[in-house]
Amino acid sequence: WLKPFWLQAFGHIRPTASTTSQAPGTQKQQPYLGKMQPCDPSSAFFGFMGVTSAIVFANLGAAYGTAKSGVGISSMGVMRPDMVMRSIIPVVMAGVLGIYGLITAV
């Protein structure tokens, strides 16, 4: 049976007696979670509104950029048909803007 790599690399290291045995009553006390103050209910609302606004505005910008570059591709197809493929780059960048907005919202 093969050990995971971290056990193979550090399997020879054993805890010493000074780290495992402590005098009673000298251990650190963990904070009791029941005594902590609960969050304000409006904090979740504003957090989710921030996520929503990030997604909405990023996708509105992506839609606007796609529409404007679509008009540019149409006019490029009429005036310079040989450069239509070069004018597709703004459409791709507008799509990347929407994806970036989704990533930053999460």
Protein backbone atom coordinates (compact mmCIF):
# COMPACT_ATOMS: atom_id res chain seq x y z
CA TRP A 1 0.00 0.00 0.00
CA LEU A 2 1.40 3.39 -1.00
CA LYS A 3 1.33 6.28 1.41
CA PRO A 4 0.34 9.75 0.23
CA PHE A 5 3.31 11.91 -0.69
CA TRP A 6 3.06 14.09 2.41
CA LEU A 7 3.33 11.03 4.63
CA GLN A 8 6.23 9.70 2.60
CA ALA A 9 8.08 13.00 2.86
CA PHE A 10 7.34 13.74 6.52
CA GLY A 11 6.64 10.26 7.89
CA HIS A 12 9.84 10.21 9.93
CA ILE A 13 8.89 13.30 11.95
CA ARG A 14 7.14 12.42 15.20
CA PRO A 15 5.69 14.85 17.74
CA THR A 16 7.89 15.31 20.76
CA ALA A 17 6.76 14.81 24.33
CA SER A 18 6.79 18.57 24.98
CA THR A 19 4.19 19.22 22.28
CA THR A 20 1.84 16.38 23.11
CA SER A 21 1.67 16.46 26.90
CA GLN A 22 0.60 19.64 28.64
CA ALA A 23 -0.23 20.29 32.22
CA PRO A 24 -3.95 20.28 32.95
CA GLY A 25 -5.51 23.70 32.76
CA THR A 26 -2.82 25.20 30.50
CA GLN A 27 -4.53 24.49 27.22
CA LYS A 28 -5.88 27.42 25.23
CA GLN A 29 -9.57 28.06 25.57
CA GLN A 30 -11.49 28.11 22.30
CA PRO A 31 -14.00 30.95 21.95
CA TYR A 32 -17.54 29.85 22.64
CA LEU A 33 -19.58 30.53 19.53
CA GLY A 34 -22.83 30.97 21.44
CA LYS A 35 -21.50 34.16 23.06
CA MET A 36 -20.66 35.84 19.74
CA GLN A 37 -22.86 38.62 18.45
CA PRO A 38 -25.00 37.62 15.45
CA CYS A 39 -24.64 39.61 12.24
CA ASP A 40 -27.11 42.30 11.38
CA PRO A 41 -29.74 40.86 8.99
CA SER A 42 -29.24 43.77 6.60
CA SER A 43 -25.60 42.76 6.00
CA ALA A 44 -26.67 39.70 3.98
CA PHE A 45 -29.08 41.88 1.99
CA PHE A 46 -26.39 44.39 1.05
CA GLY A 47 -23.92 41.61 0.25
CA PHE A 48 -26.31 39.94 -2.16
CA MET A 49 -27.25 43.32 -3.66
CA GLY A 50 -23.57 43.91 -4.38
CA VAL A 51 -23.29 40.55 -6.13
CA THR A 52 -26.46 41.24 -8.10
CA SER A 53 -25.36 44.70 -9.19
CA ALA A 54 -21.94 43.36 -10.26
CA ILE A 55 -23.55 40.72 -12.47
CA VAL A 56 -26.19 43.10 -13.86
CA PHE A 57 -23.82 45.94 -14.74
CA ALA A 58 -21.18 43.63 -16.18
CA ASN A 59 -23.71 41.93 -18.42
CA LEU A 60 -25.27 45.25 -19.44
CA GLY A 61 -21.81 46.45 -20.45
CA ALA A 62 -21.17 43.23 -22.34
CA ALA A 63 -24.49 43.53 -24.16
CA TYR A 64 -23.82 47.16 -25.05
CA GLY A 65 -20.33 46.31 -26.29
CA THR A 66 -21.64 43.42 -28.36
CA ALA A 67 -24.31 45.65 -29.93
CA LYS A 68 -21.87 48.44 -30.77
CA SER A 69 -19.31 46.04 -32.22
CA GLY A 70 -22.06 44.30 -34.19
CA VAL A 71 -22.86 47.62 -35.84
CA GLY A 72 -19.16 48.06 -36.53
CA ILE A 73 -18.93 44.59 -38.11
CA SER A 74 -21.93 45.40 -40.31
CA SER A 75 -20.43 48.64 -41.53
CA MET A 76 -17.04 46.95 -41.97
CA GLY A 77 -18.68 44.28 -44.12
CA VAL A 78 -20.09 46.96 -46.40
CA MET A 79 -17.05 49.24 -46.62
CA ARG A 80 -14.08 46.83 -46.24
CA PRO A 81 -15.16 43.17 -46.60
CA ASP A 82 -11.55 41.98 -46.38
CA MET A 83 -11.26 43.18 -42.74
CA VAL A 84 -14.42 41.59 -41.33
CA MET A 85 -12.54 38.89 -39.42
CA ARG A 86 -10.36 41.49 -37.72
CA SER A 87 -13.44 43.32 -36.45
CA ILE A 88 -14.71 40.23 -34.59
CA ILE A 89 -12.19 40.84 -31.78
CA PRO A 90 -14.39 43.45 -29.98
CA VAL A 91 -17.27 40.94 -29.86
CA VAL A 92 -15.03 38.41 -28.14
CA MET A 93 -13.79 41.03 -25.70
CA ALA A 94 -17.36 42.06 -24.87
CA GLY A 95 -18.17 38.41 -24.08
CA VAL A 96 -15.10 38.17 -21.88
CA LEU A 97 -16.35 41.24 -19.99
CA GLY A 98 -19.57 39.41 -19.10
CA ILE A 99 -17.67 36.35 -17.91
CA TYR A 100 -15.31 38.54 -15.88
CA GLY A 101 -18.29 40.22 -14.23
CA LEU A 102 -19.67 36.82 -13.26
CA ILE A 103 -16.34 35.76 -11.77
CA THR A 104 -15.87 38.96 -9.78
CA ALA A 105 -19.44 38.81 -8.47
CA VAL A 106 -18.87 35.38 -7.00
